[in-house]
């Protein structure tokens, strides 16, 4: 893995978190692969790209704060697949209206498209229990 791949994947990760906080659909649409799948940190629910974008667009899913610890991230590249394992602290409001705070570990899986652009294909979070 080149240092450039590491830097690029970490930038993509930070862009994903920033876009969630800002409810920036344009950035999310660019970052997320067509077959993107999210497994939620709160309850393990599975949501595809369309569901995530619709929830963010409607304001049903809001992230007032996501703090990422990118300096702790483990980044691996295997062929055209990039894997980032990291840690976040976040606050969010789920579609049911409940607020939730969590420290979590996450795994993000990226795939490079035909032009070499990294797209997020899978994201899963696990709450860190104190």
Protein backbone atom coordinates (compact mmCIF):
# COMPACT_ATOMS: atom_id res chain seq x y z
CA UNK A 1 0.00 0.00 0.00
CA UNK A 2 1.31 3.40 -0.89
CA UNK A 3 1.20 6.31 1.53
CA UNK A 4 -0.96 8.05 -1.09
CA UNK A 5 -3.62 5.31 -0.78
CA UNK A 6 -3.62 5.70 3.01
CA UNK A 7 -3.96 9.48 2.81
CA UNK A 8 -6.69 9.25 0.14
CA UNK A 9 -8.74 6.69 2.09
CA UNK A 10 -8.49 8.68 5.31
CA UNK A 11 -9.59 11.82 3.44
CA UNK A 12 -12.55 9.90 2.00
CA UNK A 13 -13.43 8.71 5.51
CA UNK A 14 -13.31 12.24 6.91
CA UNK A 15 -15.39 13.48 3.96
CA UNK A 16 -18.02 10.84 4.75
CA UNK A 17 -18.22 11.95 8.40
CA UNK A 18 -18.27 15.64 7.45
CA UNK A 19 -21.03 15.03 4.89
CA UNK A 20 -23.17 13.24 7.48
CA UNK A 21 -22.79 16.12 9.94
CA UNK A 22 -23.57 18.69 7.23
CA UNK A 23 -26.34 16.56 5.65
CA UNK A 24 -24.47 17.13 2.38
CA UNK A 25 -26.25 14.89 -0.11
CA UNK A 26 -24.03 15.86 -3.05
CA UNK A 27 -20.91 14.64 -1.23
CA UNK A 28 -22.65 11.50 0.03
CA UNK A 29 -23.89 10.67 -3.48
CA UNK A 30 -20.33 11.02 -4.78
CA UNK A 31 -18.77 8.96 -1.96
CA UNK A 32 -21.22 6.07 -1.71
CA UNK A 33 -21.07 3.22 -4.19
CA UNK A 34 -24.34 2.28 -5.90
CA UNK A 35 -24.46 -0.93 -3.83
CA UNK A 36 -23.48 0.75 -0.52
CA UNK A 37 -24.70 -0.95 2.68
CA UNK A 38 -24.65 0.51 6.19
CA UNK A 39 -24.96 -1.55 9.37
CA UNK A 40 -26.00 0.79 12.17
CA UNK A 41 -24.02 1.18 15.37
CA UNK A 42 -27.14 1.61 17.50
CA UNK A 43 -29.12 -1.48 16.57
CA UNK A 44 -27.38 -3.35 13.76
CA UNK A 45 -30.07 -2.37 11.26
CA UNK A 46 -29.06 -2.67 7.61
CA UNK A 47 -29.71 0.21 5.20
CA UNK A 48 -28.78 0.53 1.56
CA UNK A 49 -27.61 3.67 -0.26
CA UNK A 50 -31.09 4.84 -1.18
CA UNK A 51 -32.38 4.49 2.38
CA UNK A 52 -29.40 6.34 3.87
CA UNK A 53 -29.67 9.19 1.35
CA UNK A 54 -33.43 9.48 1.89
CA UNK A 55 -33.07 9.53 5.69
CA UNK A 56 -30.39 12.22 5.53
CA UNK A 57 -32.36 14.26 2.95
CA UNK A 58 -35.53 14.16 5.04
CA UNK A 59 -33.70 15.10 8.24
CA UNK A 60 -34.87 11.87 9.87
CA UNK A 61 -31.27 10.83 10.45
CA UNK A 62 -29.08 13.61 11.83
CA UNK A 63 -25.53 13.66 13.09
CA UNK A 64 -24.86 16.81 15.14
CA UNK A 65 -21.36 15.55 15.95
CA UNK A 66 -18.95 12.94 14.67
CA UNK A 67 -15.41 13.07 15.98
CA UNK A 68 -13.06 10.71 14.19
CA UNK A 69 -9.68 9.62 15.44
CA UNK A 70 -8.01 9.20 12.06
CA UNK A 71 -4.53 9.07 13.59
CA UNK A 72 -5.55 5.73 15.17
CA UNK A 73 -6.98 4.25 11.97
CA UNK A 74 -5.74 0.99 10.54
CA UNK A 75 -5.72 1.18 6.75
CA UNK A 76 -5.19 -1.76 4.41
CA UNK A 77 -5.33 -2.01 0.64
CA UNK A 78 -5.78 -5.35 -1.08
CA UNK A 79 -5.91 -4.92 -4.83
CA UNK A 80 -8.75 -2.50 -5.54
CA UNK A 81 -10.24 -2.83 -2.05
CA UNK A 82 -9.40 -0.46 0.79
CA UNK A 83 -10.35 -1.20 4.40
CA UNK A 84 -10.32 1.39 7.16
CA UNK A 85 -10.83 0.38 10.80
CA UNK A 86 -11.18 3.38 13.04
CA UNK A 87 -12.83 4.96 16.06
CA UNK A 88 -15.42 7.69 16.41
CA UNK A 89 -17.37 9.52 19.05
CA UNK A 90 -20.77 10.64 17.79
CA UNK A 91 -24.18 12.00 18.58
CA UNK A 92 -27.09 11.30 16.29
CA UNK A 93 -30.86 11.32 16.07
CA UNK A 94 -32.37 8.21 14.56
CA UNK A 95 -35.46 8.09 12.30
CA UNK A 96 -37.66 7.38 15.32
CA UNK A 97 -36.55 10.68 16.87
CA UNK A 98 -34.46 9.19 19.66
CA UNK A 99 -31.06 10.73 20.32
CA UNK A 100 -28.08 8.49 20.75
CA UNK A 101 -24.44 9.00 21.69
CA UNK A 102 -21.77 6.42 21.11
CA UNK A 103 -18.10 5.78 21.10
CA UNK A 104 -17.59 3.25 18.36
CA UNK A 105 -15.19 1.23 16.29
CA UNK A 106 -16.03 1.08 12.64
CA UNK A 107 -15.01 -0.78 9.54
CA UNK A 108 -15.36 0.97 6.19
CA UNK A 109 -14.77 -0.94 2.98
CA UNK A 110 -13.91 0.99 -0.18
CA UNK A 111 -13.58 -0.21 -3.76
CA UNK A 112 -11.70 1.65 -6.47
CA UNK A 113 -13.82 2.21 -9.56
CA UNK A 114 -12.54 2.01 -13.15
CA UNK A 115 -11.03 5.50 -12.82
CA UNK A 116 -9.33 4.66 -9.51
CA UNK A 117 -11.78 6.68 -7.40
CA UNK A 118 -12.45 5.10 -3.99
CA UNK A 119 -16.18 4.57 -3.29
CA UNK A 120 -17.51 3.49 0.08
CA UNK A 121 -19.27 0.14 -0.37
CA UNK A 122 -19.84 -0.90 3.23
CA UNK A 123 -19.81 0.71 6.66
CA UNK A 124 -20.39 -0.99 9.99
CA UNK A 125 -20.10 0.40 13.48
CA UNK A 126 -19.85 -1.33 16.84
CA UNK A 127 -20.47 0.56 20.06
CA UNK A 128 -17.60 0.58 22.54
CA UNK A 129 -19.00 -0.31 25.92
CA UNK A 130 -17.43 1.49 28.85
